[in-house]
Structures are given as C-alpha cells and as structure tokens.
Amino acid sequence: MFTHMRIARPVVNLDNAFLMYSQGLRLKKIADFSDHQGFSGIMLGREDLPWHIEFTVCHHHPVQPRQTNEDLIVLYYPDKAEWEATCGRMRSAGFTQVNAFNPYWEV
C-alpha cells in the first residue's frame, strides 16, 4: 500500500500550469526546481491530500504534450455544492469543460 502518490505531467509553460491548478483546485506550491539536468518543475498539492501533481519542462529537448481524449485526472467530491464551486473555479482559471470520450465519466 502506498501512502502518497505523485502524478507527473510535462507542460509547455510552468507559470500557466501553476496559475490554473492553484486557482482552479486551490493547490499550493510544495516544491520546485530549476534547470536540474535540463528540467525545471513545480509540485502542487495540499496537506490534506494524499497526492500531489508535478509539472515539468525539459529545456534541452522540449516536449510537446500530446493529450488524448482519455487523459484524465478524476477528482471525487462528496458534496455537490463543493463540486460545482470547484468546476466554476476551474473554468475561471482557464480549464475547458468537454464531453467525456468514455460515457462512464459523463456526469
């Protein structure tokens, strides 16, 4: 059994990723690094969560992230009002709401 999980994703712009996830999901910067063997990154999370997300940029061989319709980060909110408020913050922060490719995820 694990006690903590990190999800790592490449991005084109660390500042944009930070703004979207800190404003949309109220995540806080818990660590960052700059030009570590060609990579810079930021880790976002909260003390009350058993996970955090890391965004990285490769300076020597820039990666162009290629999303698919099945690339999802699924978060469960037991309270509908909290879920709706979070969805609103995410849209305001720049996230785009799309229809789910897999009908299981459509709410």
PDB file of N, CA and C in Angstrom:
ATOM      1  N   MET A   1       0.843  -1.186   0.000  1.00  0.00           N
ATOM      2  CA  MET A   1       0.000   0.000   0.000  1.00  0.00           C
ATOM      3  C   MET A   1       0.886   1.247   0.000  1.00  0.00           C
ATOM      4  N   PHE A   2       0.533   2.217  -0.803  1.00  0.00           N
ATOM      5  CA  PHE A   2       1.298   3.460  -0.820  1.00  0.00           C
ATOM      6  C   PHE A   2       0.642   4.480   0.096  1.00  0.00           C
ATOM      7  N   THR A   3       1.425   5.436   0.527  1.00  0.00           N
ATOM      8  CA  THR A   3       0.883   6.459   1.412  1.00  0.00           C
ATOM      9  C   THR A   3       0.745   7.815   0.737  1.00  0.00           C
ATOM     10  N   HIS A   4       1.402   7.966  -0.412  1.00  0.00           N
ATOM     11  CA  HIS A   4       1.324   9.235  -1.128  1.00  0.00           C
ATOM     12  C   HIS A   4       1.601   8.967  -2.602  1.00  0.00           C
ATOM     13  N   MET A   5       0.958   9.706  -3.481  1.00  0.00           N
ATOM     14  CA  MET A   5       1.146   9.498  -4.907  1.00  0.00           C
ATOM     15  C   MET A   5       1.483  10.828  -5.575  1.00  0.00           C
ATOM     16  N   ARG A   6       2.422  10.777  -6.525  1.00  0.00           N
ATOM     17  CA  ARG A   6       2.753  11.941  -7.349  1.00  0.00           C
ATOM     18  C   ARG A   6       2.360  11.629  -8.787  1.00  0.00           C
ATOM     19  N   ILE A   7       1.649  12.553  -9.408  1.00  0.00           N
ATOM     20  CA  ILE A   7       1.300  12.462 -10.821  1.00  0.00           C
ATOM     21  C   ILE A   7       2.192  13.470 -11.532  1.00  0.00           C
ATOM     22  N   ALA A   8       2.986  13.022 -12.500  1.00  0.00           N
ATOM     23  CA  ALA A   8       3.913  13.910 -13.206  1.00  0.00           C
ATOM     24  C   ALA A   8       3.450  14.103 -14.642  1.00  0.00           C
ATOM     25  N   ARG A   9       3.453  15.357 -15.081  1.00  0.00           N
ATOM     26  CA  ARG A   9       2.988  15.694 -16.428  1.00  0.00           C
ATOM     27  C   ARG A   9       3.914  16.738 -17.047  1.00  0.00           C
ATOM     28  N   PRO A  10       4.289  16.556 -18.320  1.00  0.00           N
ATOM     29  CA  PRO A  10       5.044  17.613 -18.991  1.00  0.00           C
ATOM     30  C   PRO A  10       4.102  18.735 -19.422  1.00  0.00           C
ATOM     31  N   VAL A  11       4.607  19.959 -19.381  1.00  0.00           N
ATOM     32  CA  VAL A  11       3.840  21.113 -19.843  1.00  0.00           C
ATOM     33  C   VAL A  11       4.749  22.009 -20.678  1.00  0.00           C
ATOM     34  N   VAL A  12       4.151  22.932 -21.379  1.00  0.00           N
ATOM     35  CA  VAL A  12       4.911  23.900 -22.161  1.00  0.00           C
ATOM     36  C   VAL A  12       5.261  25.115 -21.306  1.00  0.00           C
ATOM     37  N   ASN A  13       4.377  25.479 -20.361  1.00  0.00           N
ATOM     38  CA  ASN A  13       4.549  26.693 -19.579  1.00  0.00           C
ATOM     39  C   ASN A  13       4.240  26.412 -18.108  1.00  0.00           C
ATOM     40  N   LEU A  14       5.277  26.435 -17.270  1.00  0.00           N
ATOM     41  CA  LEU A  14       5.087  26.156 -15.838  1.00  0.00           C
ATOM     42  C   LEU A  14       4.222  27.212 -15.161  1.00  0.00           C
ATOM     43  N   ASP A  15       4.405  28.476 -15.532  1.00  0.00           N
ATOM     44  CA  ASP A  15       3.620  29.543 -14.901  1.00  0.00           C
ATOM     45  C   ASP A  15       2.129  29.367 -15.160  1.00  0.00           C
ATOM     46  N   ASN A  16       1.771  29.028 -16.393  1.00  0.00           N
ATOM     47  CA  ASN A  16       0.353  28.807 -16.704  1.00  0.00           C
ATOM     48  C   ASN A  16      -0.204  27.617 -15.938  1.00  0.00           C
ATOM     49  N   ALA A  17       0.562  26.523 -15.871  1.00  0.00           N
ATOM     50  CA  ALA A  17       0.106  25.346 -15.126  1.00  0.00           C
ATOM     51  C   ALA A  17      -0.103  25.700 -13.658  1.00  0.00           C
ATOM     52  N   PHE A  18       0.842  26.448 -13.079  1.00  0.00           N
ATOM     53  CA  PHE A  18       0.717  26.856 -11.680  1.00  0.00           C
ATOM     54  C   PHE A  18      -0.550  27.674 -11.467  1.00  0.00           C
ATOM     55  N   LEU A  19      -0.775  28.667 -12.318  1.00  0.00           N
ATOM     56  CA  LEU A  19      -1.951  29.523 -12.144  1.00  0.00           C
ATOM     57  C   LEU A  19      -3.248  28.735 -12.275  1.00  0.00           C
ATOM     58  N   MET A  20      -3.337  27.888 -13.280  1.00  0.00           N
ATOM     59  CA  MET A  20      -4.576  27.133 -13.485  1.00  0.00           C
ATOM     60  C   MET A  20      -4.878  26.212 -12.307  1.00  0.00           C
ATOM     61  N   TYR A  21      -3.884  25.450 -11.863  1.00  0.00           N
ATOM     62  CA  TYR A  21      -4.137  24.465 -10.815  1.00  0.00           C
ATOM     63  C   TYR A  21      -4.212  25.099  -9.430  1.00  0.00           C
ATOM     64  N   SER A  22      -3.494  26.181  -9.188  1.00  0.00           N
ATOM     65  CA  SER A  22      -3.596  26.831  -7.878  1.00  0.00           C
ATOM     66  C   SER A  22      -4.926  27.566  -7.755  1.00  0.00           C
ATOM     67  N   GLN A  23      -5.355  28.220  -8.815  1.00  0.00           N
ATOM     68  CA  GLN A  23      -6.632  28.934  -8.761  1.00  0.00           C
ATOM     69  C   GLN A  23      -7.816  27.982  -8.900  1.00  0.00           C
ATOM     70  N   GLY A  24      -7.727  27.045  -9.831  1.00  0.00           N
ATOM     71  CA  GLY A  24      -8.857  26.158 -10.091  1.00  0.00           C
ATOM     72  C   GLY A  24      -9.089  25.125  -9.010  1.00  0.00           C
ATOM     73  N   LEU A  25      -8.001  24.545  -8.493  1.00  0.00           N
ATOM     74  CA  LEU A  25      -8.134  23.475  -7.497  1.00  0.00           C
ATOM     75  C   LEU A  25      -7.619  23.864  -6.112  1.00  0.00           C
ATOM     76  N   ARG A  26      -7.195  25.120  -5.988  1.00  0.00           N
ATOM     77  CA  ARG A  26      -6.661  25.618  -4.713  1.00  0.00           C
ATOM     78  C   ARG A  26      -5.459  24.804  -4.230  1.00  0.00           C
ATOM     79  N   LEU A  27      -4.642  24.352  -5.180  1.00  0.00           N
ATOM     80  CA  LEU A  27      -3.413  23.657  -4.818  1.00  0.00           C
ATOM     81  C   LEU A  27      -2.339  24.694  -4.525  1.00  0.00           C
ATOM     82  N   LYS A  28      -1.401  24.317  -3.684  1.00  0.00           N
ATOM     83  CA  LYS A  28      -0.317  25.213  -3.296  1.00  0.00           C
ATOM     84  C   LYS A  28       1.016  24.642  -3.763  1.00  0.00           C
ATOM     85  N   LYS A  29       1.964  25.534  -4.015  1.00  0.00           N
ATOM     86  CA  LYS A  29       3.298  25.081  -4.401  1.00  0.00           C
ATOM     87  C   LYS A  29       3.950  24.436  -3.186  1.00  0.00           C
ATOM     88  N   ILE A  30       4.348  23.169  -3.330  1.00  0.00           N
ATOM     89  CA  ILE A  30       5.014  22.484  -2.223  1.00  0.00           C
ATOM     90  C   ILE A  30       6.501  22.299  -2.494  1.00  0.00           C
ATOM     91  N   ALA A  31       6.909  22.433  -3.760  1.00  0.00           N
ATOM     92  CA  ALA A  31       8.330  22.350  -4.108  1.00  0.00           C
ATOM     93  C   ALA A  31       8.498  22.790  -5.551  1.00  0.00           C
ATOM     94  N   ASP A  32       9.713  23.168  -5.881  1.00  0.00           N
ATOM     95  CA  ASP A  32      10.038  23.458  -7.276  1.00  0.00           C
ATOM     96  C   ASP A  32      11.525  23.236  -7.485  1.00  0.00           C
ATOM     97  N   PHE A  33      11.923  23.162  -8.735  1.00  0.00           N
ATOM     98  CA  PHE A  33      13.338  23.024  -9.068  1.00  0.00           C
ATOM     99  C   PHE A  33      13.573  23.697 -10.407  1.00  0.00           C
ATOM    100  N   SER A  34      14.804  24.156 -10.601  1.00  0.00           N
ATOM    101  CA  SER A  34      15.126  24.903 -11.806  1.00  0.00           C
ATOM    102  C   SER A  34      16.378  24.341 -12.458  1.00  0.00           C
ATOM    103  N   ASP A  35      16.281  24.026 -13.732  1.00  0.00           N
ATOM    104  CA  ASP A  35      17.380  23.539 -14.558  1.00  0.00           C
ATOM    105  C   ASP A  35      18.158  22.409 -13.877  1.00  0.00           C
ATOM    106  N   HIS A  36      17.447  21.414 -13.411  1.00  0.00           N
ATOM    107  CA  HIS A  36      18.065  20.214 -12.844  1.00  0.00           C
ATOM    108  C   HIS A  36      18.322  19.248 -13.990  1.00  0.00           C
ATOM    109  N   GLN A  37      19.544  19.254 -14.484  1.00  0.00           N
ATOM    110  CA  GLN A  37      19.932  18.435 -15.634  1.00  0.00           C
ATOM    111  C   GLN A  37      18.991  18.664 -16.817  1.00  0.00           C
ATOM    112  N   GLY A  38      18.659  19.939 -17.036  1.00  0.00           N
ATOM    113  CA  GLY A  38      17.832  20.309 -18.179  1.00  0.00           C
ATOM    114  C   GLY A  38      16.341  20.370 -17.919  1.00  0.00           C
ATOM    115  N   PHE A  39      15.915  20.035 -16.715  1.00  0.00           N
ATOM    116  CA  PHE A  39      14.487  20.050 -16.382  1.00  0.00           C
ATOM    117  C   PHE A  39      14.206  21.086 -15.298  1.00  0.00           C
ATOM    118  N   SER A  40      13.080  21.752 -15.432  1.00  0.00           N
ATOM    119  CA  SER A  40      12.548  22.601 -14.371  1.00  0.00           C
ATOM    120  C   SER A  40      11.151  22.088 -14.062  1.00  0.00           C
ATOM    121  N   GLY A  41      10.725  22.293 -12.827  1.00  0.00           N
ATOM    122  CA  GLY A  41       9.409  21.785 -12.473  1.00  0.00           C
ATOM    123  C   GLY A  41       8.844  22.418 -11.229  1.00  0.00           C
ATOM    124  N   ILE A  42       7.592  22.133 -11.016  1.00  0.00           N
ATOM    125  CA  ILE A  42       6.872  22.615  -9.846  1.00  0.00           C
ATOM    126  C   ILE A  42       5.951  21.500  -9.376  1.00  0.00           C
ATOM    127  N   MET A  43       5.837  21.349  -8.063  1.00  0.00           N
ATOM    128  CA  MET A  43       4.931  20.371  -7.476  1.00  0.00           C
ATOM    129  C   MET A  43       3.848  21.111  -6.708  1.00  0.00           C
ATOM    130  N   LEU A  44       2.614  20.723  -6.951  1.00  0.00           N
ATOM    131  CA  LEU A  44       1.459  21.361  -6.330  1.00  0.00           C
ATOM    132  C   LEU A  44       0.659  20.330  -5.555  1.00  0.00           C
ATOM    133  N   GLY A  45       0.182  20.725  -4.401  1.00  0.00           N
ATOM    134  CA  GLY A  45      -0.627  19.824  -3.592  1.00  0.00           C
ATOM    135  C   GLY A  45      -1.208  20.573  -2.411  1.00  0.00           C
ATOM    136  N   ARG A  46      -1.690  19.806  -1.452  1.00  0.00           N
ATOM    137  CA  ARG A  46      -2.201  20.358  -0.198  1.00  0.00           C
ATOM    138  C   ARG A  46      -1.932  19.337   0.892  1.00  0.00           C
ATOM    139  N   GLU A  47      -1.802  19.821   2.110  1.00  0.00           N
ATOM    140  CA  GLU A  47      -1.524  18.930   3.237  1.00  0.00           C
ATOM    141  C   GLU A  47      -2.633  17.911   3.460  1.00  0.00           C
ATOM    142  N   ASP A  48      -3.864  18.246   3.095  1.00  0.00           N
ATOM    143  CA  ASP A  48      -4.985  17.341   3.343  1.00  0.00           C
ATOM    144  C   ASP A  48      -5.189  16.326   2.221  1.00  0.00           C
ATOM    145  N   LEU A  49      -4.311  16.308   1.231  1.00  0.00           N
ATOM    146  CA  LEU A  49      -4.447  15.378   0.108  1.00  0.00           C
ATOM    147  C   LEU A  49      -3.350  14.317   0.138  1.00  0.00           C
ATOM    148  N   PRO A  50      -3.671  13.065  -0.216  1.00  0.00           N
ATOM    149  CA  PRO A  50      -2.658  12.003  -0.257  1.00  0.00           C
ATOM    150  C   PRO A  50      -1.940  11.940  -1.607  1.00  0.00           C
ATOM    151  N   TRP A  51      -1.970  13.019  -2.370  1.00  0.00           N
ATOM    152  CA  TRP A  51      -1.332  13.055  -3.681  1.00  0.00           C
ATOM    153  C   TRP A  51      -0.883  14.479  -3.968  1.00  0.00           C
ATOM    154  N   HIS A  52       0.016  14.598  -4.927  1.00  0.00           N
ATOM    155  CA  HIS A  52       0.348  15.910  -5.481  1.00  0.00           C
ATOM    156  C   HIS A  52       0.673  15.738  -6.955  1.00  0.00           C
ATOM    157  N   ILE A  53       0.685  16.840  -7.664  1.00  0.00           N
ATOM    158  CA  ILE A  53       0.932  16.802  -9.097  1.00  0.00           C
ATOM    159  C   ILE A  53       2.200  17.591  -9.396  1.00  0.00           C
ATOM    160  N   GLU A  54       2.994  17.053 -10.293  1.00  0.00           N
ATOM    161  CA  GLU A  54       4.250  17.692 -10.685  1.00  0.00           C
ATOM    162  C   GLU A  54       4.172  18.044 -12.169  1.00  0.00           C
ATOM    163  N   PHE A  55       4.534  19.269 -12.493  1.00  0.00           N
ATOM    164  CA  PHE A  55       4.616  19.704 -13.879  1.00  0.00           C
ATOM    165  C   PHE A  55       6.075  19.969 -14.200  1.00  0.00           C
ATOM    166  N   THR A  56       6.525  19.499 -15.356  1.00  0.00           N
ATOM    167  CA  THR A  56       7.923  19.674 -15.737  1.00  0.00           C
ATOM    168  C   THR A  56       8.037  20.256 -17.139  1.00  0.00           C
ATOM    169  N   VAL A  57       9.159  20.928 -17.360  1.00  0.00           N
ATOM    170  CA  VAL A  57       9.556  21.435 -18.670  1.00  0.00           C
ATOM    171  C   VAL A  57      10.972  20.951 -18.915  1.00  0.00           C
ATOM    172  N   CYS A  58      11.231  20.412 -20.104  1.00  0.00           N
ATOM    173  CA  CYS A  58      12.575  19.993 -20.496  1.00  0.00           C
ATOM    174  C   CYS A  58      13.161  21.090 -21.384  1.00  0.00           C
ATOM    175  N   HIS A  59      14.272  21.687 -20.938  1.00  0.00           N
ATOM    176  CA  HIS A  59      14.861  22.806 -21.670  1.00  0.00           C
ATOM    177  C   HIS A  59      15.696  22.363 -22.871  1.00  0.00           C
ATOM    178  N   HIS A  60      16.263  21.172 -22.819  1.00  0.00           N
ATOM    179  CA  HIS A  60      17.152  20.717 -23.895  1.00  0.00           C
ATOM    180  C   HIS A  60      16.401  20.042 -25.037  1.00  0.00           C
ATOM    181  N   HIS A  61      15.362  19.338 -24.718  1.00  0.00           N
ATOM    182  CA  HIS A  61      14.559  18.637 -25.716  1.00  0.00           C
ATOM    183  C   HIS A  61      13.093  18.912 -25.398  1.00  0.00           C
ATOM    184  N   PRO A  62      12.608  20.089 -25.757  1.00  0.00           N
ATOM    185  CA  PRO A  62      11.238  20.445 -25.385  1.00  0.00           C
ATOM    186  C   PRO A  62      10.224  19.382 -25.808  1.00  0.00           C
ATOM    187  N   VAL A  63       9.417  18.998 -24.852  1.00  0.00           N
ATOM    188  CA  VAL A  63       8.366  18.012 -25.088  1.00  0.00           C
ATOM    189  C   VAL A  63       7.084  18.765 -25.397  1.00  0.00           C
ATOM    190  N   GLN A  64       6.433  18.391 -26.457  1.00  0.00           N
ATOM    191  CA  GLN A  64       5.127  18.949 -26.769  1.00  0.00           C
ATOM    192  C   GLN A  64       4.083  17.961 -26.247  1.00  0.00           C
ATOM    193  N   PRO A  65       3.479  18.259 -25.098  1.00  0.00           N
ATOM    194  CA  PRO A  65       2.485  17.330 -24.554  1.00  0.00           C
ATOM    195  C   PRO A  65       1.391  17.044 -25.577  1.00  0.00           C
ATOM    196  N   ARG A  66       1.060  15.785 -25.703  1.00  0.00           N
ATOM    197  CA  ARG A  66       0.026  15.355 -26.648  1.00  0.00           C
ATOM    198  C   ARG A  66      -1.083  14.681 -25.855  1.00  0.00           C
ATOM    199  N   GLN A  67      -2.163  15.396 -25.704  1.00  0.00           N
ATOM    200  CA  GLN A  67      -3.283  14.868 -24.946  1.00  0.00           C
ATOM    201  C   GLN A  67      -4.152  13.995 -25.830  1.00  0.00           C
ATOM    202  N   THR A  68      -4.784  13.034 -25.187  1.00  0.00           N
ATOM    203  CA  THR A  68      -5.791  12.228 -25.857  1.00  0.00           C
ATOM    204  C   THR A  68      -7.114  12.418 -25.115  1.00  0.00           C
ATOM    205  N   ASN A  69      -8.172  11.912 -25.687  1.00  0.00           N
ATOM    206  CA  ASN A  69      -9.486  12.014 -25.044  1.00  0.00           C
ATOM    207  C   ASN A  69      -9.575  11.214 -23.753  1.00  0.00           C
ATOM    208  N   GLU A  70      -8.624  10.333 -23.519  1.00  0.00           N
ATOM    209  CA  GLU A  70      -8.641   9.513 -22.311  1.00  0.00           C
ATOM    210  C   GLU A  70      -7.659  10.002 -21.253  1.00  0.00           C
ATOM    211  N   ASP A  71      -6.951  11.115 -21.494  1.00  0.00           N
ATOM    212  CA  ASP A  71      -6.061  11.690 -20.482  1.00  0.00           C
ATOM    213  C   ASP A  71      -6.909  12.455 -19.477  1.00  0.00           C
ATOM    214  N   LEU A  72      -7.089  11.868 -18.315  1.00  0.00           N
ATOM    215  CA  LEU A  72      -7.973  12.450 -17.311  1.00  0.00           C
ATOM    216  C   LEU A  72      -7.303  12.472 -15.948  1.00  0.00           C
ATOM    217  N   ILE A  73      -7.622  13.469 -15.186  1.00  0.00           N
ATOM    218  CA  ILE A  73      -7.370  13.459 -13.752  1.00  0.00           C
ATOM    219  C   ILE A  73      -8.761  13.550 -13.142  1.00  0.00           C
ATOM    220  N   VAL A  74      -9.172  12.509 -12.478  1.00  0.00           N
ATOM    221  CA  VAL A  74     -10.538  12.423 -11.957  1.00  0.00           C
ATOM    222  C   VAL A  74     -10.508  12.683 -10.457  1.00  0.00           C
ATOM    223  N   LEU A  75     -11.256  13.667 -10.022  1.00  0.00           N
ATOM    224  CA  LEU A  75     -11.348  14.017  -8.612  1.00  0.00           C
ATOM    225  C   LEU A  75     -12.792  13.834  -8.166  1.00  0.00           C
ATOM    226  N   TYR A  76     -12.970  13.226  -7.021  1.00  0.00           N
ATOM    227  CA  TYR A  76     -14.311  12.973  -6.491  1.00  0.00           C
ATOM    228  C   TYR A  76     -14.601  13.943  -5.351  1.00  0.00           C
ATOM    229  N   TYR A  77     -15.744  14.576  -5.417  1.00  0.00           N
ATOM    230  CA  TYR A  77     -16.201  15.467  -4.360  1.00  0.00           C
ATOM    231  C   TYR A  77     -17.511  14.909  -3.822  1.00  0.00           C
ATOM    232  N   PRO A  78     -17.574  14.577  -2.535  1.00  0.00           N
ATOM    233  CA  PRO A  78     -18.808  14.012  -1.996  1.00  0.00           C
ATOM    234  C   PRO A  78     -19.934  15.041  -1.887  1.00  0.00           C
ATOM    235  N   ASP A  79     -19.587  16.318  -1.832  1.00  0.00           N
ATOM    236  CA  ASP A  79     -20.577  17.374  -1.688  1.00  0.00           C
ATOM    237  C   ASP A  79     -20.813  18.045  -3.043  1.00  0.00           C
ATOM    238  N   LYS A  80     -22.048  18.011  -3.534  1.00  0.00           N
ATOM    239  CA  LYS A  80     -22.357  18.549  -4.861  1.00  0.00           C
ATOM    240  C   LYS A  80     -22.062  20.043  -4.958  1.00  0.00           C
ATOM    241  N   ALA A  81     -22.359  20.798  -3.916  1.00  0.00           N
ATOM    242  CA  ALA A  81     -22.105  22.242  -3.948  1.00  0.00           C
ATOM    243  C   ALA A  81     -20.604  22.520  -4.054  1.00  0.00           C
ATOM    244  N   GLU A  82     -19.802  21.753  -3.342  1.00  0.00           N
ATOM    245  CA  GLU A  82     -18.346  21.918  -3.420  1.00  0.00           C
ATOM    246  C   GLU A  82     -17.847  21.552  -4.819  1.00  0.00           C
ATOM    247  N   TRP A  83     -18.392  20.479  -5.395  1.00  0.00           N
ATOM    248  CA  TRP A  83     -18.021  20.062  -6.748  1.00  0.00           C
ATOM    249  C   TRP A  83     -18.359  21.163  -7.753  1.00  0.00           C
ATOM    250  N   GLU A  84     -19.571  21.724  -7.657  1.00  0.00           N
ATOM    251  CA  GLU A  84     -19.980  22.779  -8.584  1.00  0.00           C
ATOM    252  C   GLU A  84     -19.112  24.024  -8.427  1.00  0.00           C
ATOM    253  N   ALA A  85     -18.780  24.386  -7.187  1.00  0.00           N
ATOM    254  CA  ALA A  85     -17.915  25.552  -6.955  1.00  0.00           C
ATOM    255  C   ALA A  85     -16.524  25.317  -7.537  1.00  0.00           C
ATOM    256  N   THR A  86     -16.011  24.103  -7.366  1.00  0.00           N
ATOM    257  CA  THR A  86     -14.696  23.771  -7.920  1.00  0.00           C
ATOM    258  C   THR A  86     -14.729  23.818  -9.441  1.00  0.00           C
ATOM    259  N   CYS A  87     -15.771  23.284 -10.048  1.00  0.00           N
ATOM    260  CA  CYS A  87     -15.903  23.345 -11.514  1.00  0.00           C
ATOM    261  C   CYS A  87     -15.915  24.794 -11.988  1.00  0.00           C
ATOM    262  N   GLY A  88     -16.608  25.655 -11.283  1.00  0.00           N
ATOM    263  CA  GLY A  88     -16.645  27.072 -11.647  1.00  0.00           C
ATOM    264  C   GLY A  88     -15.276  27.721 -11.537  1.00  0.00           C
ATOM    265  N   ARG A  89     -14.547  27.424 -10.455  1.00  0.00           N
ATOM    266  CA  ARG A  89     -13.190  27.965 -10.303  1.00  0.00           C
ATOM    267  C   ARG A  89     -12.278  27.461 -11.408  1.00  0.00           C
ATOM    268  N   MET A  90     -12.429  26.184 -11.757  1.00  0.00           N
ATOM    269  CA  MET A  90     -11.581  25.616 -12.811  1.00  0.00           C
ATOM    270  C   MET A  90     -11.848  26.303 -14.148  1.00  0.00           C
ATOM    271  N   ARG A  91     -13.099  26.516 -14.486  1.00  0.00           N
ATOM    272  CA  ARG A  91     -13.416  27.216 -15.741  1.00  0.00           C
ATOM    273  C   ARG A  91     -12.856  28.635 -15.712  1.00  0.00           C
ATOM    274  N   SER A  92     -13.003  29.321 -14.581  1.00  0.00           N
ATOM    275  CA  SER A  92     -12.474  30.684 -14.456  1.00  0.00           C
ATOM    276  C   SER A  92     -10.953  30.716 -14.568  1.00  0.00           C
ATOM    277  N   ALA A  93     -10.297  29.638 -14.151  1.00  0.00           N
ATOM    278  CA  ALA A  93      -8.832  29.565 -14.192  1.00  0.00           C
ATOM    279  C   ALA A  93      -8.305  29.175 -15.567  1.00  0.00           C
ATOM    280  N   GLY A  94      -9.202  28.822 -16.495  1.00  0.00           N
ATOM    281  CA  GLY A  94      -8.754  28.506 -17.847  1.00  0.00           C
ATOM    282  C   GLY A  94      -8.972  27.080 -18.298  1.00  0.00           C
ATOM    283  N   PHE A  95      -9.500  26.233 -17.425  1.00  0.00           N
ATOM    284  CA  PHE A  95      -9.819  24.873 -17.842  1.00  0.00           C
ATOM    285  C   PHE A  95     -11.009  24.912 -18.798  1.00  0.00           C
ATOM    286  N   THR A  96     -11.075  23.945 -19.681  1.00  0.00           N
ATOM    287  CA  THR A  96     -12.166  23.851 -20.637  1.00  0.00           C
ATOM    288  C   THR A  96     -12.988  22.606 -20.340  1.00  0.00           C
ATOM    289  N   GLN A  97     -14.279  22.772 -20.196  1.00  0.00           N
ATOM    290  CA  GLN A  97     -15.156  21.627 -19.979  1.00  0.00           C
ATOM    291  C   GLN A  97     -15.450  20.978 -21.319  1.00  0.00           C
ATOM    292  N   VAL A  98     -15.278  19.671 -21.388  1.00  0.00           N
ATOM    293  CA  VAL A  98     -15.532  18.926 -22.622  1.00  0.00           C
ATOM    294  C   VAL A  98     -16.412  17.727 -22.297  1.00  0.00           C
ATOM    295  N   ASN A  99     -17.041  17.179 -23.311  1.00  0.00           N
ATOM    296  CA  ASN A  99     -17.786  15.941 -23.128  1.00  0.00           C
ATOM    297  C   ASN A  99     -16.802  14.793 -22.973  1.00  0.00           C
ATOM    298  N   ALA A 100     -17.136  13.850 -22.124  1.00  0.00           N
ATOM    299  CA  ALA A 100     -16.265  12.703 -21.888  1.00  0.00           C
ATOM    300  C   ALA A 100     -16.263  11.783 -23.103  1.00  0.00           C
ATOM    301  N   PHE A 101     -15.088  11.315 -23.491  1.00  0.00           N
ATOM    302  CA  PHE A 101     -14.961  10.344 -24.568  1.00  0.00           C
ATOM    303  C   PHE A 101     -15.568   9.013 -24.127  1.00  0.00           C
ATOM    304  N   ASN A 102     -15.291   8.630 -22.883  1.00  0.00           N
ATOM    305  CA  ASN A 102     -15.830   7.412 -22.294  1.00  0.00           C
ATOM    306  C   ASN A 102     -17.126   7.792 -21.575  1.00  0.00           C
ATOM    307  N   PRO A 103     -18.265   7.253 -21.971  1.00  0.00           N
ATOM    308  CA  PRO A 103     -19.532   7.665 -21.365  1.00  0.00           C
ATOM    309  C   PRO A 103     -19.609   7.407 -19.861  1.00  0.00           C
ATOM    310  N   TYR A 104     -18.751   6.545 -19.328  1.00  0.00           N
ATOM    311  CA  TYR A 104     -18.746   6.286 -17.889  1.00  0.00           C
ATOM    312  C   TYR A 104     -18.458   7.564 -17.110  1.00  0.00           C
ATOM    313  N   TRP A 105     -17.638   8.447 -17.674  1.00  0.00           N
ATOM    314  CA  TRP A 105     -17.210   9.651 -16.954  1.00  0.00           C
ATOM    315  C   TRP A 105     -18.165  10.820 -17.125  1.00  0.00           C
ATOM    316  N   GLU A 106     -19.164  10.692 -17.956  1.00  0.00           N
ATOM    317  CA  GLU A 106     -20.082  11.807 -18.186  1.00  0.00           C
ATOM    318  C   GLU A 106     -20.987  11.983 -16.971  1.00  0.00           C
ATOM    319  N   VAL A 107     -21.011  13.198 -16.430  1.00  0.00           N
ATOM    320  CA  VAL A 107     -21.869  13.484 -15.268  1.00  0.00           C
ATOM    321  C   VAL A 107     -22.900  14.525 -15.620  1.00  0.00           C
TER     322      VAL A 107
END
